[in-house]
Every structure is written in C-alpha cells, then in structure tokens.
N, C-alpha and C. Protein backbone atom coordinates (compact mmCIF):
# COMPACT_ATOMS: atom_id res chain seq x y z
N UNK A 1 125.86 -65.21 -98.40
CA UNK A 1 126.67 -65.89 -98.84
C UNK A 1 126.29 -66.35 -100.34
N UNK A 2 126.56 -66.20 -101.55
CA UNK A 2 125.88 -66.38 -102.78
C UNK A 2 126.08 -67.68 -103.04
N UNK A 3 124.98 -68.04 -103.63
CA UNK A 3 125.27 -69.24 -105.09
C UNK A 3 126.50 -70.12 -104.42
N UNK A 4 127.75 -69.48 -105.31
CA UNK A 4 128.82 -69.91 -105.72
C UNK A 4 129.58 -70.24 -104.61
N UNK A 5 129.35 -69.35 -103.63
CA UNK A 5 130.13 -70.09 -102.66
C UNK A 5 129.76 -71.25 -101.52
N UNK A 6 127.82 -71.65 -102.05
CA UNK A 6 127.48 -72.59 -101.18
C UNK A 6 127.76 -73.87 -102.24
N UNK A 7 128.28 -73.25 -103.70
CA UNK A 7 128.09 -74.24 -104.40
C UNK A 7 129.53 -74.98 -104.01
N UNK A 8 130.71 -73.91 -104.03
CA UNK A 8 132.14 -74.60 -103.98
C UNK A 8 132.29 -75.19 -102.77
N UNK A 9 131.78 -74.46 -101.25
CA UNK A 9 132.37 -75.10 -100.16
C UNK A 9 130.76 -76.67 -100.09
N UNK A 10 130.06 -77.14 -100.47
CA UNK A 10 129.81 -78.15 -101.54
C UNK A 10 130.86 -79.00 -101.90
N UNK A 11 130.72 -78.50 -103.60
CA UNK A 11 131.83 -79.30 -104.29
C UNK A 11 133.41 -80.31 -103.08
N UNK A 12 133.78 -78.94 -102.12
CA UNK A 12 134.91 -78.65 -101.80
C UNK A 12 134.97 -80.32 -100.59
N UNK A 13 134.16 -80.05 -99.95
CA UNK A 13 133.30 -80.77 -98.57
C UNK A 13 133.09 -82.73 -98.77
N UNK A 14 132.35 -82.07 -100.50
CA UNK A 14 132.02 -83.97 -101.54
C UNK A 14 133.82 -84.16 -101.34
N UNK A 15 134.80 -83.12 -102.54
CA UNK A 15 135.31 -84.07 -102.36
C UNK A 15 136.54 -84.86 -101.36
N UNK A 16 136.73 -83.84 -100.34
CA UNK A 16 136.90 -83.76 -99.14
C UNK A 16 136.42 -85.49 -98.49
N UNK A 17 135.51 -85.95 -98.37
CA UNK A 17 134.61 -86.70 -97.65
C UNK A 17 135.28 -88.02 -98.41
N UNK A 18 134.90 -87.32 -99.97
CA UNK A 18 135.31 -88.62 -100.79
C UNK A 18 136.68 -89.60 -100.63
N UNK A 19 137.81 -88.00 -100.66
CA UNK A 19 139.46 -88.56 -100.52
C UNK A 19 139.87 -88.95 -99.48
N UNK A 20 138.93 -88.88 -98.04
CA UNK A 20 139.08 -89.73 -96.98
C UNK A 20 138.67 -90.82 -97.42
N UNK A 21 137.86 -91.40 -97.34
CA UNK A 21 136.53 -92.79 -97.53
C UNK A 21 137.43 -92.91 -98.71
N UNK A 22 138.49 -92.45 -99.29
CA UNK A 22 139.25 -93.68 -99.85
C UNK A 22 140.51 -94.38 -99.61
N UNK A 23 141.38 -92.82 -98.88
CA UNK A 23 142.60 -93.40 -97.72
C UNK A 23 142.44 -94.08 -96.86
N UNK A 24 140.82 -94.52 -95.89
CA UNK A 24 140.65 -95.01 -95.33
C UNK A 24 140.93 -96.73 -95.97
N UNK A 25 140.02 -96.60 -97.02
CA UNK A 25 139.86 -97.75 -96.86
C UNK A 25 141.00 -98.58 -98.23
N UNK A 26 142.30 -97.93 -98.64
CA UNK A 26 143.19 -98.40 -98.75
C UNK A 26 144.01 -98.63 -97.52
N UNK A 27 144.39 -97.36 -96.66
CA UNK A 27 145.12 -98.80 -95.55
C UNK A 27 144.52 -100.01 -94.72
N UNK A 28 142.97 -100.05 -95.03
CA UNK A 28 142.35 -101.12 -94.95
C UNK A 28 142.83 -101.95 -95.63
N UNK A 29 143.07 -101.54 -97.20
CA UNK A 29 143.29 -103.62 -97.82
C UNK A 29 144.70 -103.28 -97.84
N UNK A 30 145.46 -101.83 -96.93
CA UNK A 30 146.92 -102.64 -96.89
C UNK A 30 147.33 -103.17 -95.70
N UNK A 31 146.51 -103.01 -94.90
CA UNK A 31 146.54 -103.69 -93.24
C UNK A 31 145.68 -105.60 -93.07
N UNK A 32 144.89 -105.18 -94.64
CA UNK A 32 144.44 -107.04 -94.67
C UNK A 32 145.31 -108.04 -95.29
N UNK A 33 146.02 -107.03 -96.43
CA UNK A 33 147.00 -107.36 -97.12
C UNK A 33 148.46 -108.10 -96.08
N UNK A 34 149.18 -106.79 -95.08
CA UNK A 34 150.00 -107.50 -94.76
C UNK A 34 149.68 -108.16 -93.53
N UNK A 35 148.11 -108.39 -93.32
CA UNK A 35 148.65 -109.49 -91.94
C UNK A 35 148.21 -110.99 -93.08
N UNK A 36 148.36 -111.17 -94.02
CA UNK A 36 148.17 -112.05 -94.58
C UNK A 36 149.43 -113.13 -94.71
N UNK A 37 150.61 -111.70 -95.05
CA UNK A 37 152.02 -112.44 -95.13
C UNK A 37 152.17 -112.43 -93.80
N UNK A 38 153.60 -113.49 -94.00
CA UNK A 38 154.42 -113.65 -92.29
C UNK A 38 155.33 -113.21 -91.89
N UNK A 39 155.18 -112.74 -90.34
CA UNK A 39 156.55 -112.36 -90.19
C UNK A 39 157.82 -112.73 -90.79
N UNK A 40 158.84 -111.56 -91.40
CA UNK A 40 159.99 -112.09 -91.93
C UNK A 40 161.33 -111.81 -90.48
N UNK A 41 161.53 -113.27 -90.51
CA UNK A 41 162.54 -113.63 -89.71
C UNK A 41 164.10 -112.35 -89.11
N UNK A 42 163.69 -112.04 -88.17
CA UNK A 42 165.55 -111.00 -87.77
C UNK A 42 164.80 -109.71 -87.99
N UNK A 43 163.64 -109.49 -88.48
CA UNK A 43 162.75 -108.31 -88.66
C UNK A 43 163.16 -107.36 -87.59
N UNK A 44 162.47 -108.13 -86.15
CA UNK A 44 162.71 -107.58 -85.36
C UNK A 44 163.56 -107.30 -83.78
N UNK A 45 164.92 -107.86 -84.57
CA UNK A 45 165.94 -107.45 -83.82
C UNK A 45 166.71 -106.12 -84.30
N UNK A 46 167.41 -106.02 -83.49
CA UNK A 46 167.97 -103.77 -83.23
C UNK A 46 167.27 -102.95 -84.09
N UNK A 47 166.17 -102.83 -83.30
CA UNK A 47 165.27 -101.31 -83.85
C UNK A 47 165.80 -100.06 -83.89
N UNK A 48 167.09 -100.31 -83.20
CA UNK A 48 167.85 -99.26 -83.11
C UNK A 48 168.37 -98.74 -83.85
N UNK A 49 169.38 -99.93 -84.34
CA UNK A 49 170.18 -99.67 -85.45
C UNK A 49 168.39 -99.65 -87.12
N UNK A 50 167.85 -100.15 -87.42
CA UNK A 50 167.05 -100.18 -87.82
C UNK A 50 166.93 -99.41 -87.92
N UNK A 51 165.82 -98.49 -87.54
CA UNK A 51 165.00 -97.11 -86.99
C UNK A 51 166.76 -95.84 -87.31
N UNK A 52 167.86 -95.86 -87.09
CA UNK A 52 168.81 -95.44 -87.32
C UNK A 52 169.28 -95.18 -89.28
N UNK A 53 168.86 -96.30 -89.16
CA UNK A 53 168.98 -97.01 -91.39
C UNK A 53 167.79 -96.34 -92.02
N UNK A 54 166.91 -96.51 -91.90
CA UNK A 54 165.73 -95.68 -92.10
C UNK A 54 165.92 -94.20 -91.95
N UNK A 55 166.06 -93.86 -91.10
CA UNK A 55 166.16 -92.18 -91.04
C UNK A 55 167.64 -91.47 -91.57
N UNK A 56 168.55 -92.25 -91.85
CA UNK A 56 169.77 -91.81 -92.93
C UNK A 56 168.81 -92.12 -94.29
N UNK A 57 168.23 -93.24 -94.78
CA UNK A 57 168.38 -93.73 -96.12
C UNK A 57 166.99 -92.32 -96.68
N UNK A 58 165.74 -91.60 -95.51
CA UNK A 58 165.09 -91.37 -96.15
C UNK A 58 165.38 -89.40 -95.72
N UNK A 59 166.09 -89.16 -95.73
CA UNK A 59 166.45 -87.89 -95.11
C UNK A 59 168.03 -88.08 -95.72
N UNK A 60 168.48 -88.83 -96.23
CA UNK A 60 169.78 -88.62 -96.98
C UNK A 60 169.50 -89.31 -98.60
N UNK A 61 168.29 -89.40 -98.88
CA UNK A 61 168.00 -89.98 -99.59
C UNK A 61 169.77 -90.55 -100.26
N UNK A 62 170.03 -91.72 -100.50
CA UNK A 62 171.30 -92.44 -99.97
C UNK A 62 171.73 -92.92 -101.61
N UNK A 63 170.60 -93.65 -102.42
CA UNK A 63 170.11 -94.78 -102.70
C UNK A 63 169.85 -94.08 -104.23
N UNK A 64 170.23 -92.65 -103.98
CA UNK A 64 169.80 -91.40 -105.09
C UNK A 64 171.24 -90.90 -105.64
N UNK A 65 172.41 -91.41 -105.12
CA UNK A 65 174.14 -90.38 -104.15
C UNK A 65 174.66 -90.51 -105.79
N UNK A 66 173.61 -91.07 -107.38
CA UNK A 66 174.81 -90.91 -108.38
C UNK A 66 173.99 -89.24 -108.99
N UNK A 67 172.52 -89.20 -108.73
CA UNK A 67 171.79 -88.43 -109.39
C UNK A 67 171.46 -87.06 -108.10
N UNK A 68 172.95 -85.97 -108.02
CA UNK A 68 172.53 -85.13 -107.26
C UNK A 68 171.40 -84.38 -107.27
N UNK A 69 171.10 -84.29 -108.64
CA UNK A 69 169.86 -82.37 -108.69
C UNK A 69 168.54 -83.40 -108.60
N UNK A 70 168.39 -85.07 -108.72
CA UNK A 70 168.06 -85.29 -108.94
C UNK A 70 167.29 -85.70 -107.33
N UNK A 71 168.48 -85.78 -106.24
CA UNK A 71 168.24 -86.35 -105.22
C UNK A 71 167.56 -84.90 -104.55
N UNK A 72 168.40 -84.21 -105.00
CA UNK A 72 167.93 -82.77 -103.49
C UNK A 72 166.71 -82.36 -104.72
N UNK A 73 166.70 -82.31 -105.37
CA UNK A 73 164.99 -81.94 -105.49
C UNK A 73 164.07 -82.91 -105.05
N UNK A 74 164.11 -84.01 -104.84
CA UNK A 74 163.14 -85.04 -104.84
C UNK A 74 162.94 -84.92 -102.77
N UNK A 75 163.95 -84.62 -102.57
CA UNK A 75 163.92 -83.89 -101.40
C UNK A 75 162.89 -82.87 -100.37
N UNK A 76 163.62 -82.11 -101.64
CA UNK A 76 162.86 -80.41 -101.34
C UNK A 76 161.24 -81.15 -101.42
N UNK A 77 160.79 -81.27 -102.40
CA UNK A 77 159.57 -82.03 -102.65
C UNK A 77 159.19 -83.01 -101.37
N UNK A 78 159.45 -84.14 -101.29
CA UNK A 78 159.14 -84.80 -99.60
C UNK A 78 159.28 -83.83 -98.76
N UNK A 79 159.83 -82.63 -98.81
CA UNK A 79 159.95 -81.37 -97.05
C UNK A 79 158.64 -80.70 -97.35
N UNK A 80 158.26 -80.90 -98.78
CA UNK A 80 157.41 -79.43 -99.43
C UNK A 80 155.47 -80.63 -98.93
N UNK A 81 155.64 -81.56 -99.10
CA UNK A 81 154.41 -82.21 -99.16
C UNK A 81 153.75 -82.47 -97.49
N UNK A 82 155.27 -82.82 -96.78
CA UNK A 82 155.33 -82.48 -94.98
C UNK A 82 155.03 -81.64 -94.57
N UNK A 83 155.23 -80.54 -95.13
CA UNK A 83 154.56 -79.09 -94.67
C UNK A 83 153.63 -78.33 -94.70
N UNK A 84 152.52 -79.53 -96.21
CA UNK A 84 151.81 -79.25 -96.85
C UNK A 84 150.30 -80.18 -95.99
N UNK A 85 151.02 -81.22 -95.51
CA UNK A 85 149.82 -82.25 -94.99
C UNK A 85 149.64 -81.50 -93.52
C-alpha cells in the first residue's frame, strides 16, 4: 500500500467514526427531549389505521398533491437514499 492509500483509509475511517458519533449523540438528544414531554391522549388507539395513514403519507406524498413534479422528484430521492443506506 502506498502512503496515499493509507492516508485515504485513515481519513475515511476518521470521518466515519465522527459521523457515527454525531448520529448517536443526536439520537440520544432526541430521546432525552421526547422523554420530557407527556404522551398525547389518543395516539395509541387504532394502531392499524395510524400505520395505514403513515404508509399512505410516506409512499404517496399526499401533501405534495398540488406539485406533481416536485412530489415525484422527492419520492425518487427518498427511495434513492433508502437504497443507498
């Protein structure tokens, strides 16, 4: 291995470690913030209907109905990120 390859590996691993640490820190912050709030009444009833609504909103991008081109482009980007992850 050349010095450039070793440097690239070290930088790549360093960036990955920092990114994972920041991700974990952000998730911990979210969890701490969510635990401070009180549960909203009625959010645990009808889990099936709520799940269907969630899937319809995410996959159909129903809130972007007025902007078809934007909705399609956004949907393609959303699926692409999922595939890349």
